[in-house]
């Protein structure tokens, strides 16, 4: 009998049962793709599997699975994984912080762990360099969402294809009521992402719930993961890139944003996103937040595997 430990971690959370939960498997050596997929499905949440690096220059490797299949990158799962590793002492974070190189399906990404004043660890993940694609007609997105097309243009800027490790359409929403509406027709949203060849749809609006936040986000990816995500690092990164690239934030070599997400799902979250710009070109996008371990358990497989306890 093989015993495979797992942790449930709330990402972008200071308190248990807030933020976006993810399953973290501390040592996934010996697990097959089918078993990784099965664990994600059994727990009904995205999962991250920690492995030794397979390429030079990396310190650790993460594989990501949703209930519907493997993924190259999941920002909230990566954050949850490092919160889990810090919690169990795999990484010992001091006042000077710690830098780690993470191997993912989109390459090696820098991660920094810093100790906050309250003793919690703040995880900062550098996203892949943004890629900007073609504009998308507001009317096409509006038809899928069931809203007026005029609401999907902000300061003359409409929807556009953007990727920070996950291809998606970023959609500026200028009306508070539209942003806070119910979008139950996930088949229409899935049909739109299928036609456009992207994985998801991120709505971004300057009208926020919290006075602390700069922008409110909603992220839909019904073909790859949840119909709507509580908090997504890849959507935050793509939205920040879109906003800075299109001049929808104050100009500067460093743009720091607070983004909120998850309100429609009853789990409000806040995250910090930093965009570094040089010669009007985005150099780095960093998504930061804490995470908290809320559960520990184990899976029992009816065979022997090279899986260590965690």
C-alpha atoms as a PDB file:
ATOM      1  CA  UNK A   1       0.000   0.000   0.000  1.00  0.00           C
ATOM      2  CA  UNK A   2       1.429   3.361  -1.048  1.00  0.00           C
ATOM      3  CA  UNK A   3       0.488   6.401   1.024  1.00  0.00           C
ATOM      4  CA  UNK A   4       0.539   9.756  -0.759  1.00  0.00           C
ATOM      5  CA  UNK A   5       0.213  12.790   1.536  1.00  0.00           C
ATOM      6  CA  UNK A   6      -1.553  15.940   0.394  1.00  0.00           C
ATOM      7  CA  UNK A   7      -2.207  19.427   1.769  1.00  0.00           C
ATOM      8  CA  UNK A   8      -5.141  21.719   1.055  1.00  0.00           C
ATOM      9  CA  UNK A   9      -3.911  25.314   0.890  1.00  0.00           C
ATOM     10  CA  UNK A  10      -5.988  28.474   0.558  1.00  0.00           C
ATOM     11  CA  UNK A  11      -4.045  30.712  -1.832  1.00  0.00           C
ATOM     12  CA  UNK A  12      -4.268  34.498  -1.628  1.00  0.00           C
ATOM     13  CA  UNK A  13      -5.615  34.060   1.902  1.00  0.00           C
ATOM     14  CA  UNK A  14      -4.706  35.236   5.408  1.00  0.00           C
ATOM     15  CA  UNK A  15      -7.441  33.223   7.132  1.00  0.00           C
ATOM     16  CA  UNK A  16      -8.644  29.624   6.691  1.00  0.00           C
ATOM     17  CA  UNK A  17     -11.552  29.001   4.316  1.00  0.00           C
ATOM     18  CA  UNK A  18     -10.928  32.153   2.299  1.00  0.00           C
ATOM     19  CA  UNK A  19      -8.993  32.629  -0.936  1.00  0.00           C
ATOM     20  CA  UNK A  20      -8.689  29.945  -3.608  1.00  0.00           C
ATOM     21  CA  UNK A  21      -8.120  26.365  -2.392  1.00  0.00           C
ATOM     22  CA  UNK A  22      -5.602  24.093  -4.099  1.00  0.00           C
ATOM     23  CA  UNK A  23      -4.415  20.567  -3.399  1.00  0.00           C
ATOM     24  CA  UNK A  24      -0.649  20.232  -3.011  1.00  0.00           C
ATOM     25  CA  UNK A  25       1.120  16.861  -3.129  1.00  0.00           C
ATOM     26  CA  UNK A  26       4.480  17.400  -1.374  1.00  0.00           C
ATOM     27  CA  UNK A  27       6.271  14.507  -3.097  1.00  0.00           C
ATOM     28  CA  UNK A  28       4.710  13.284  -6.322  1.00  0.00           C
ATOM     29  CA  UNK A  29       7.570  10.991  -7.367  1.00  0.00           C
ATOM     30  CA  UNK A  30       6.103   7.781  -8.720  1.00  0.00           C
ATOM     31  CA  UNK A  31       2.664   9.139  -9.570  1.00  0.00           C
ATOM     32  CA  UNK A  32       1.426   8.685 -13.133  1.00  0.00           C
ATOM     33  CA  UNK A  33      -0.416  11.344 -15.098  1.00  0.00           C
ATOM     34  CA  UNK A  34      -3.600   9.343 -14.640  1.00  0.00           C
ATOM     35  CA  UNK A  35      -3.140   9.294 -10.869  1.00  0.00           C
ATOM     36  CA  UNK A  36      -2.392  13.018 -10.753  1.00  0.00           C
ATOM     37  CA  UNK A  37      -5.549  13.656 -12.742  1.00  0.00           C
ATOM     38  CA  UNK A  38      -7.453  11.339 -10.427  1.00  0.00           C
ATOM     39  CA  UNK A  39      -6.309  13.229  -7.324  1.00  0.00           C
ATOM     40  CA  UNK A  40      -7.455  16.547  -8.784  1.00  0.00           C
ATOM     41  CA  UNK A  41     -10.808  15.017  -9.684  1.00  0.00           C
ATOM     42  CA  UNK A  42     -11.272  13.307  -6.323  1.00  0.00           C
ATOM     43  CA  UNK A  43     -10.704  16.568  -4.447  1.00  0.00           C
ATOM     44  CA  UNK A  44     -12.641  18.640  -7.030  1.00  0.00           C
ATOM     45  CA  UNK A  45      -9.949  21.314  -7.175  1.00  0.00           C
ATOM     46  CA  UNK A  46      -6.790  22.224  -9.020  1.00  0.00           C
ATOM     47  CA  UNK A  47      -3.728  20.371  -7.785  1.00  0.00           C
ATOM     48  CA  UNK A  48       0.022  20.929  -7.796  1.00  0.00           C
ATOM     49  CA  UNK A  49       2.537  18.083  -7.721  1.00  0.00           C
ATOM     50  CA  UNK A  50       6.004  18.816  -6.326  1.00  0.00           C
ATOM     51  CA  UNK A  51       8.871  16.983  -8.015  1.00  0.00           C
ATOM     52  CA  UNK A  52      12.651  17.220  -8.317  1.00  0.00           C
ATOM     53  CA  UNK A  53      13.738  19.472 -11.212  1.00  0.00           C
ATOM     54  CA  UNK A  54      14.235  17.856 -14.611  1.00  0.00           C
ATOM     55  CA  UNK A  55      16.272  20.703 -16.154  1.00  0.00           C
ATOM     56  CA  UNK A  56      19.399  22.506 -15.064  1.00  0.00           C
ATOM     57  CA  UNK A  57      18.946  25.901 -13.436  1.00  0.00           C
ATOM     58  CA  UNK A  58      15.775  24.948 -11.566  1.00  0.00           C
ATOM     59  CA  UNK A  59      15.517  24.216  -7.847  1.00  0.00           C
ATOM     60  CA  UNK A  60      12.163  22.459  -7.870  1.00  0.00           C
ATOM     61  CA  UNK A  61       9.481  21.384 -10.344  1.00  0.00           C
ATOM     62  CA  UNK A  62       5.698  21.734 -10.236  1.00  0.00           C
ATOM     63  CA  UNK A  63       3.144  19.969 -12.384  1.00  0.00           C
ATOM     64  CA  UNK A  64      -0.395  21.312 -12.531  1.00  0.00           C
ATOM     65  CA  UNK A  65      -3.696  19.510 -13.056  1.00  0.00           C
ATOM     66  CA  UNK A  66      -7.284  20.707 -13.159  1.00  0.00           C
ATOM     67  CA  UNK A  67     -10.302  18.440 -13.000  1.00  0.00           C
ATOM     68  CA  UNK A  68     -10.314  18.470 -16.805  1.00  0.00           C
ATOM     69  CA  UNK A  69      -6.637  17.853 -17.542  1.00  0.00           C
ATOM     70  CA  UNK A  70      -3.052  18.979 -17.204  1.00  0.00           C
ATOM     71  CA  UNK A  71      -2.014  22.625 -17.354  1.00  0.00           C
ATOM     72  CA  UNK A  72       1.300  24.297 -18.100  1.00  0.00           C
ATOM     73  CA  UNK A  73       0.921  26.835 -15.288  1.00  0.00           C
ATOM     74  CA  UNK A  74      -1.487  27.804 -12.519  1.00  0.00           C
ATOM     75  CA  UNK A  75      -0.532  30.894 -10.553  1.00  0.00           C
ATOM     76  CA  UNK A  76      -2.637  30.233  -7.455  1.00  0.00           C
ATOM     77  CA  UNK A  77      -1.483  26.615  -7.294  1.00  0.00           C
ATOM     78  CA  UNK A  78       2.171  27.699  -7.491  1.00  0.00           C
ATOM     79  CA  UNK A  79       1.581  30.174  -4.676  1.00  0.00           C
ATOM     80  CA  UNK A  80      -0.174  27.467  -2.626  1.00  0.00           C
ATOM     81  CA  UNK A  81       2.692  25.028  -3.211  1.00  0.00           C
ATOM     82  CA  UNK A  82       5.310  27.410  -1.831  1.00  0.00           C
ATOM     83  CA  UNK A  83       3.091  28.308   1.121  1.00  0.00           C
ATOM     84  CA  UNK A  84       2.833  24.578   1.822  1.00  0.00           C
ATOM     85  CA  UNK A  85       6.582  24.005   1.526  1.00  0.00           C
ATOM     86  CA  UNK A  86       7.338  26.951   3.833  1.00  0.00           C
ATOM     87  CA  UNK A  87       4.736  25.703   6.331  1.00  0.00           C
ATOM     88  CA  UNK A  88       6.339  22.271   6.641  1.00  0.00           C
ATOM     89  CA  UNK A  89       9.885  23.650   6.801  1.00  0.00           C
ATOM     90  CA  UNK A  90      11.071  22.566   3.361  1.00  0.00           C
ATOM     91  CA  UNK A  91      12.003  26.220   2.847  1.00  0.00           C
ATOM     92  CA  UNK A  92      13.036  28.168   5.931  1.00  0.00           C
ATOM     93  CA  UNK A  93      12.335  31.827   5.289  1.00  0.00           C
ATOM     94  CA  UNK A  94      14.160  34.491   7.296  1.00  0.00           C
ATOM     95  CA  UNK A  95      14.017  38.282   7.336  1.00  0.00           C
ATOM     96  CA  UNK A  96      16.353  38.398   4.333  1.00  0.00           C
ATOM     97  CA  UNK A  97      13.957  36.389   2.162  1.00  0.00           C
ATOM     98  CA  UNK A  98      14.660  33.490  -0.151  1.00  0.00           C
ATOM     99  CA  UNK A  99      14.875  33.178  -3.955  1.00  0.00           C
ATOM    100  CA  UNK A 100      13.877  29.950  -5.735  1.00  0.00           C
ATOM    101  CA  UNK A 101      13.845  28.907  -9.390  1.00  0.00           C
ATOM    102  CA  UNK A 102      10.637  27.026 -10.280  1.00  0.00           C
ATOM    103  CA  UNK A 103      10.380  24.667 -13.248  1.00  0.00           C
ATOM    104  CA  UNK A 104       6.952  24.758 -14.916  1.00  0.00           C
ATOM    105  CA  UNK A 105       5.425  23.799 -18.235  1.00  0.00           C
ATOM    106  CA  UNK A 106       6.185  27.309 -19.529  1.00  0.00           C
ATOM    107  CA  UNK A 107       9.809  27.391 -18.405  1.00  0.00           C
ATOM    108  CA  UNK A 108      11.739  28.353 -15.271  1.00  0.00           C
ATOM    109  CA  UNK A 109      10.095  31.138 -13.256  1.00  0.00           C
ATOM    110  CA  UNK A 110      11.672  33.127 -10.404  1.00  0.00           C
ATOM    111  CA  UNK A 111       9.916  32.886  -7.028  1.00  0.00           C
ATOM    112  CA  UNK A 112      10.665  34.916  -3.933  1.00  0.00           C
ATOM    113  CA  UNK A 113       9.625  34.083  -0.377  1.00  0.00           C
ATOM    114  CA  UNK A 114       9.521  36.908   2.160  1.00  0.00           C
ATOM    115  CA  UNK A 115       8.626  36.928   5.829  1.00  0.00           C
ATOM    116  CA  UNK A 116       5.860  39.390   6.656  1.00  0.00           C
ATOM    117  CA  UNK A 117       5.499  41.282   9.916  1.00  0.00           C
ATOM    118  CA  UNK A 118       2.720  38.930  11.031  1.00  0.00           C
ATOM    119  CA  UNK A 119       5.006  35.924  10.555  1.00  0.00           C
ATOM    120  CA  UNK A 120       3.325  34.618   7.423  1.00  0.00           C
ATOM    121  CA  UNK A 121       5.239  34.004   4.216  1.00  0.00           C
ATOM    122  CA  UNK A 122       4.510  36.197   1.206  1.00  0.00           C
ATOM    123  CA  UNK A 123       5.022  34.330  -2.092  1.00  0.00           C
ATOM    124  CA  UNK A 124       5.947  36.382  -5.171  1.00  0.00           C
ATOM    125  CA  UNK A 125       5.891  34.649  -8.558  1.00  0.00           C
ATOM    126  CA  UNK A 126       7.314  36.200 -11.725  1.00  0.00           C
ATOM    127  CA  UNK A 127       4.925  35.365 -14.547  1.00  0.00           C
ATOM    128  CA  UNK A 128       6.051  34.471 -18.067  1.00  0.00           C
ATOM    129  CA  UNK A 129       6.641  37.486 -20.300  1.00  0.00           C
ATOM    130  CA  UNK A 130       3.305  38.721 -21.662  1.00  0.00           C
ATOM    131  CA  UNK A 131       2.312  38.078 -25.245  1.00  0.00           C
ATOM    132  CA  UNK A 132      -0.243  40.336 -26.892  1.00  0.00           C
ATOM    133  CA  UNK A 133      -2.455  39.057 -29.656  1.00  0.00           C
ATOM    134  CA  UNK A 134      -5.180  40.413 -31.851  1.00  0.00           C
ATOM    135  CA  UNK A 135      -8.069  42.598 -30.696  1.00  0.00           C
ATOM    136  CA  UNK A 136     -11.425  40.853 -30.361  1.00  0.00           C
ATOM    137  CA  UNK A 137     -14.690  42.478 -31.443  1.00  0.00           C
ATOM    138  CA  UNK A 138     -16.627  43.663 -28.369  1.00  0.00           C
ATOM    139  CA  UNK A 139     -19.846  42.433 -29.965  1.00  0.00           C
ATOM    140  CA  UNK A 140     -18.555  38.850 -30.165  1.00  0.00           C
ATOM    141  CA  UNK A 141     -17.698  38.801 -26.465  1.00  0.00           C
ATOM    142  CA  UNK A 142     -20.914  40.620 -25.564  1.00  0.00           C
ATOM    143  CA  UNK A 143     -22.997  37.969 -27.338  1.00  0.00           C
ATOM    144  CA  UNK A 144     -21.375  35.206 -25.276  1.00  0.00           C
ATOM    145  CA  UNK A 145     -21.883  37.099 -22.014  1.00  0.00           C
ATOM    146  CA  UNK A 146     -25.354  38.401 -22.833  1.00  0.00           C
ATOM    147  CA  UNK A 147     -24.478  42.064 -22.197  1.00  0.00           C
ATOM    148  CA  UNK A 148     -24.403  45.242 -24.334  1.00  0.00           C
ATOM    149  CA  UNK A 149     -21.252  45.568 -26.426  1.00  0.00           C
ATOM    150  CA  UNK A 150     -20.873  49.224 -25.402  1.00  0.00           C
ATOM    151  CA  UNK A 151     -20.095  48.055 -21.845  1.00  0.00           C
ATOM    152  CA  UNK A 152     -16.995  46.176 -23.011  1.00  0.00           C
ATOM    153  CA  UNK A 153     -14.941  49.176 -24.090  1.00  0.00           C
ATOM    154  CA  UNK A 154     -13.055  51.313 -21.557  1.00  0.00           C
ATOM    155  CA  UNK A 155     -11.443  54.603 -22.598  1.00  0.00           C
ATOM    156  CA  UNK A 156     -11.509  53.494 -26.205  1.00  0.00           C
ATOM    157  CA  UNK A 157      -9.894  50.105 -25.486  1.00  0.00           C
ATOM    158  CA  UNK A 158     -11.726  46.857 -26.221  1.00  0.00           C
ATOM    159  CA  UNK A 159     -11.072  43.139 -25.630  1.00  0.00           C
ATOM    160  CA  UNK A 160      -7.708  41.664 -26.631  1.00  0.00           C
ATOM    161  CA  UNK A 161      -5.939  38.341 -26.584  1.00  0.00           C
ATOM    162  CA  UNK A 162      -3.185  38.262 -23.928  1.00  0.00           C
ATOM    163  CA  UNK A 163      -1.094  35.519 -22.353  1.00  0.00           C
ATOM    164  CA  UNK A 164       1.025  35.345 -19.216  1.00  0.00           C
ATOM    165  CA  UNK A 165       1.419  31.579 -19.332  1.00  0.00           C
ATOM    166  CA  UNK A 166      -2.225  30.948 -20.232  1.00  0.00           C
ATOM    167  CA  UNK A 167      -3.901  32.268 -23.400  1.00  0.00           C
ATOM    168  CA  UNK A 168      -7.036  34.257 -22.678  1.00  0.00           C
ATOM    169  CA  UNK A 169      -9.137  37.213 -23.753  1.00  0.00           C
ATOM    170  CA  UNK A 170      -8.913  40.208 -21.419  1.00  0.00           C
ATOM    171  CA  UNK A 171     -12.143  42.196 -21.499  1.00  0.00           C
ATOM    172  CA  UNK A 172     -12.399  45.738 -20.064  1.00  0.00           C
ATOM    173  CA  UNK A 173     -15.794  46.326 -18.433  1.00  0.00           C
ATOM    174  CA  UNK A 174     -16.837  49.920 -17.818  1.00  0.00           C
ATOM    175  CA  UNK A 175     -20.177  49.301 -16.068  1.00  0.00           C
ATOM    176  CA  UNK A 176     -20.330  48.185 -12.421  1.00  0.00           C
ATOM    177  CA  UNK A 177     -23.717  46.478 -12.868  1.00  0.00           C
ATOM    178  CA  UNK A 178     -22.472  44.445 -15.827  1.00  0.00           C
ATOM    179  CA  UNK A 179     -19.357  43.336 -13.938  1.00  0.00           C
ATOM    180  CA  UNK A 180     -21.442  42.148 -11.001  1.00  0.00           C
ATOM    181  CA  UNK A 181     -24.022  40.331 -13.102  1.00  0.00           C
ATOM    182  CA  UNK A 182     -24.669  36.608 -13.225  1.00  0.00           C
ATOM    183  CA  UNK A 183     -23.014  34.805 -16.128  1.00  0.00           C
ATOM    184  CA  UNK A 184     -24.616  31.377 -16.044  1.00  0.00           C
ATOM    185  CA  UNK A 185     -24.359  30.492 -19.732  1.00  0.00           C
ATOM    186  CA  UNK A 186     -20.971  28.827 -19.465  1.00  0.00           C
ATOM    187  CA  UNK A 187     -21.595  26.964 -22.728  1.00  0.00           C
ATOM    188  CA  UNK A 188     -21.625  30.283 -24.609  1.00  0.00           C
ATOM    189  CA  UNK A 189     -18.407  31.356 -22.868  1.00  0.00           C
ATOM    190  CA  UNK A 190     -16.828  27.983 -23.674  1.00  0.00           C
ATOM    191  CA  UNK A 191     -17.958  28.270 -27.272  1.00  0.00           C
ATOM    192  CA  UNK A 192     -16.346  31.707 -27.515  1.00  0.00           C
ATOM    193  CA  UNK A 193     -13.004  30.518 -26.111  1.00  0.00           C
ATOM    194  CA  UNK A 194     -13.119  27.497 -28.443  1.00  0.00           C
ATOM    195  CA  UNK A 195     -13.698  29.704 -31.505  1.00  0.00           C
ATOM    196  CA  UNK A 196     -10.919  32.086 -30.519  1.00  0.00           C
ATOM    197  CA  UNK A 197      -8.494  29.321 -29.558  1.00  0.00           C
ATOM    198  CA  UNK A 198      -7.908  30.540 -26.010  1.00  0.00           C
ATOM    199  CA  UNK A 199      -8.293  28.981 -22.590  1.00  0.00           C
ATOM    200  CA  UNK A 200     -10.306  31.587 -20.755  1.00  0.00           C
ATOM    201  CA  UNK A 201     -11.916  34.972 -20.418  1.00  0.00           C
ATOM    202  CA  UNK A 202     -10.863  37.641 -17.877  1.00  0.00           C
ATOM    203  CA  UNK A 203     -13.141  40.573 -17.130  1.00  0.00           C
ATOM    204  CA  UNK A 204     -11.446  43.602 -15.560  1.00  0.00           C
ATOM    205  CA  UNK A 205     -13.226  46.664 -14.187  1.00  0.00           C
ATOM    206  CA  UNK A 206     -12.100  49.817 -12.324  1.00  0.00           C
ATOM    207  CA  UNK A 207     -15.238  49.732 -10.139  1.00  0.00           C
ATOM    208  CA  UNK A 208     -14.197  47.649  -7.133  1.00  0.00           C
ATOM    209  CA  UNK A 209     -15.908  46.207  -4.056  1.00  0.00           C
ATOM    210  CA  UNK A 210     -13.049  47.193  -1.754  1.00  0.00           C
ATOM    211  CA  UNK A 211     -11.540  50.611  -1.261  1.00  0.00           C
ATOM    212  CA  UNK A 212      -8.150  48.872  -1.140  1.00  0.00           C
ATOM    213  CA  UNK A 213      -8.315  47.510  -4.685  1.00  0.00           C
ATOM    214  CA  UNK A 214      -7.493  49.167  -7.984  1.00  0.00           C
ATOM    215  CA  UNK A 215      -9.344  46.709 -10.232  1.00  0.00           C
ATOM    216  CA  UNK A 216     -11.940  43.978  -9.902  1.00  0.00           C
ATOM    217  CA  UNK A 217     -11.471  40.762 -11.926  1.00  0.00           C
ATOM    218  CA  UNK A 218     -13.580  37.793 -12.898  1.00  0.00           C
ATOM    219  CA  UNK A 219     -12.015  34.817 -14.692  1.00  0.00           C
ATOM    220  CA  UNK A 220     -13.905  32.116 -16.622  1.00  0.00           C
ATOM    221  CA  UNK A 221     -12.324  28.983 -18.098  1.00  0.00           C
ATOM    222  CA  UNK A 222     -15.064  26.352 -18.379  1.00  0.00           C
ATOM    223  CA  UNK A 223     -13.181  24.109 -20.813  1.00  0.00           C
ATOM    224  CA  UNK A 224     -10.021  23.793 -18.718  1.00  0.00           C
ATOM    225  CA  UNK A 225     -10.972  24.260 -15.074  1.00  0.00           C
ATOM    226  CA  UNK A 226     -13.712  25.849 -13.011  1.00  0.00           C
ATOM    227  CA  UNK A 227     -16.501  27.725 -14.772  1.00  0.00           C
ATOM    228  CA  UNK A 228     -15.391  30.749 -12.730  1.00  0.00           C
ATOM    229  CA  UNK A 229     -12.166  30.924 -10.730  1.00  0.00           C
ATOM    230  CA  UNK A 230     -11.970  32.411  -7.235  1.00  0.00           C
ATOM    231  CA  UNK A 231      -8.506  33.889  -7.790  1.00  0.00           C
ATOM    232  CA  UNK A 232      -6.129  33.260 -10.672  1.00  0.00           C
ATOM    233  CA  UNK A 233      -2.528  34.369 -10.943  1.00  0.00           C
ATOM    234  CA  UNK A 234      -2.457  33.942 -14.719  1.00  0.00           C
ATOM    235  CA  UNK A 235      -5.586  36.091 -15.133  1.00  0.00           C
ATOM    236  CA  UNK A 236      -4.157  38.769 -12.820  1.00  0.00           C
ATOM    237  CA  UNK A 237      -0.902  38.792 -14.772  1.00  0.00           C
ATOM    238  CA  UNK A 238      -2.640  39.036 -18.143  1.00  0.00           C
ATOM    239  CA  UNK A 239      -5.014  41.748 -16.897  1.00  0.00           C
ATOM    240  CA  UNK A 240      -2.135  43.806 -15.473  1.00  0.00           C
ATOM    241  CA  UNK A 241      -0.199  43.485 -18.730  1.00  0.00           C
ATOM    242  CA  UNK A 242      -3.277  44.552 -20.714  1.00  0.00           C
ATOM    243  CA  UNK A 243      -3.937  47.559 -18.488  1.00  0.00           C
ATOM    244  CA  UNK A 244      -0.349  48.828 -18.574  1.00  0.00           C
ATOM    245  CA  UNK A 245       0.139  48.138 -22.294  1.00  0.00           C
ATOM    246  CA  UNK A 246      -3.021  50.071 -23.171  1.00  0.00           C
ATOM    247  CA  UNK A 247      -2.356  53.033 -20.883  1.00  0.00           C
ATOM    248  CA  UNK A 248      -5.213  52.255 -18.487  1.00  0.00           C
ATOM    249  CA  UNK A 249      -2.992  52.739 -15.421  1.00  0.00           C
ATOM    250  CA  UNK A 250      -0.872  55.717 -14.391  1.00  0.00           C
ATOM    251  CA  UNK A 251       2.439  55.669 -16.307  1.00  0.00           C
ATOM    252  CA  UNK A 252       5.709  54.753 -14.630  1.00  0.00           C
ATOM    253  CA  UNK A 253       8.664  52.401 -14.643  1.00  0.00           C
ATOM    254  CA  UNK A 254       7.005  50.474 -11.798  1.00  0.00           C
ATOM    255  CA  UNK A 255       3.221  50.026 -11.693  1.00  0.00           C
ATOM    256  CA  UNK A 256       1.862  48.435  -8.529  1.00  0.00           C
ATOM    257  CA  UNK A 257      -1.743  47.267  -8.496  1.00  0.00           C
ATOM    258  CA  UNK A 258      -4.037  45.639  -5.967  1.00  0.00           C
ATOM    259  CA  UNK A 259      -6.493  43.304  -7.650  1.00  0.00           C
ATOM    260  CA  UNK A 260      -9.608  41.739  -6.169  1.00  0.00           C
ATOM    261  CA  UNK A 261     -11.362  38.611  -7.321  1.00  0.00           C
ATOM    262  CA  UNK A 262     -13.812  35.960  -6.096  1.00  0.00           C
ATOM    263  CA  UNK A 263     -16.647  38.145  -4.810  1.00  0.00           C
ATOM    264  CA  UNK A 264     -19.273  36.508  -7.028  1.00  0.00           C
ATOM    265  CA  UNK A 265     -18.295  33.143  -5.519  1.00  0.00           C
ATOM    266  CA  UNK A 266     -18.456  34.313  -1.910  1.00  0.00           C
ATOM    267  CA  UNK A 267     -14.668  34.159  -1.347  1.00  0.00           C
ATOM    268  CA  UNK A 268     -13.256  37.666  -1.843  1.00  0.00           C
ATOM    269  CA  UNK A 269      -9.498  37.826  -2.392  1.00  0.00           C
ATOM    270  CA  UNK A 270      -6.857  40.518  -2.735  1.00  0.00           C
ATOM    271  CA  UNK A 271      -3.498  40.169  -4.490  1.00  0.00           C
ATOM    272  CA  UNK A 272      -0.642  42.474  -5.368  1.00  0.00           C
ATOM    273  CA  UNK A 273       0.634  42.694  -8.919  1.00  0.00           C
ATOM    274  CA  UNK A 274       3.779  44.603  -9.858  1.00  0.00           C
ATOM    275  CA  UNK A 275       4.631  45.500 -13.451  1.00  0.00           C
ATOM    276  CA  UNK A 276       8.175  46.629 -14.236  1.00  0.00           C
ATOM    277  CA  UNK A 277       8.538  48.674 -17.418  1.00  0.00           C
ATOM    278  CA  UNK A 278      11.690  49.682 -19.294  1.00  0.00           C
ATOM    279  CA  UNK A 279      11.689  51.859 -22.420  1.00  0.00           C
ATOM    280  CA  UNK A 280       7.888  51.475 -22.597  1.00  0.00           C
ATOM    281  CA  UNK A 281       8.271  47.696 -22.693  1.00  0.00           C
ATOM    282  CA  UNK A 282       6.949  45.390 -19.971  1.00  0.00           C
ATOM    283  CA  UNK A 283       9.913  43.557 -18.475  1.00  0.00           C
ATOM    284  CA  UNK A 284       8.460  41.683 -15.513  1.00  0.00           C
ATOM    285  CA  UNK A 285       5.049  40.945 -14.010  1.00  0.00           C
ATOM    286  CA  UNK A 286       5.061  39.683 -10.427  1.00  0.00           C
ATOM    287  CA  UNK A 287       2.001  38.323  -8.632  1.00  0.00           C
ATOM    288  CA  UNK A 288       2.221  38.204  -4.818  1.00  0.00           C
ATOM    289  CA  UNK A 289       0.101  36.906  -1.976  1.00  0.00           C
ATOM    290  CA  UNK A 290       0.063  34.674   1.099  1.00  0.00           C
ATOM    291  CA  UNK A 291      -1.336  31.182   1.533  1.00  0.00           C
ATOM    292  CA  UNK A 292      -2.470  29.116   4.491  1.00  0.00           C
ATOM    293  CA  UNK A 293      -2.565  25.330   4.974  1.00  0.00           C
ATOM    294  CA  UNK A 294      -6.055  24.324   6.107  1.00  0.00           C
ATOM    295  CA  UNK A 295      -5.978  20.529   5.845  1.00  0.00           C
ATOM    296  CA  UNK A 296      -3.599  17.566   5.723  1.00  0.00           C
ATOM    297  CA  UNK A 297      -4.486  14.088   4.575  1.00  0.00           C
ATOM    298  CA  UNK A 298      -3.317  11.177   2.447  1.00  0.00           C
ATOM    299  CA  UNK A 299      -4.351   8.996  -0.462  1.00  0.00           C
ATOM    300  CA  UNK A 300      -3.866   5.244  -0.236  1.00  0.00           C
ATOM    301  CA  UNK A 301      -2.883   3.499  -3.472  1.00  0.00           C
ATOM    302  CA  UNK A 302      -3.019  -0.316  -3.595  1.00  0.00           C
ATOM    303  CA  UNK A 303       0.598  -0.745  -4.745  1.00  0.00           C
ATOM    304  CA  UNK A 304       4.147   0.203  -3.863  1.00  0.00           C
ATOM    305  CA  UNK A 305       5.479   3.488  -5.211  1.00  0.00           C
ATOM    306  CA  UNK A 306       8.541   5.627  -4.623  1.00  0.00           C
ATOM    307  CA  UNK A 307       6.566   8.227  -2.675  1.00  0.00           C
ATOM    308  CA  UNK A 308       7.951   9.656   0.548  1.00  0.00           C
ATOM    309  CA  UNK A 309       5.886  10.849   3.471  1.00  0.00           C
ATOM    310  CA  UNK A 310       5.206  14.603   3.724  1.00  0.00           C
END
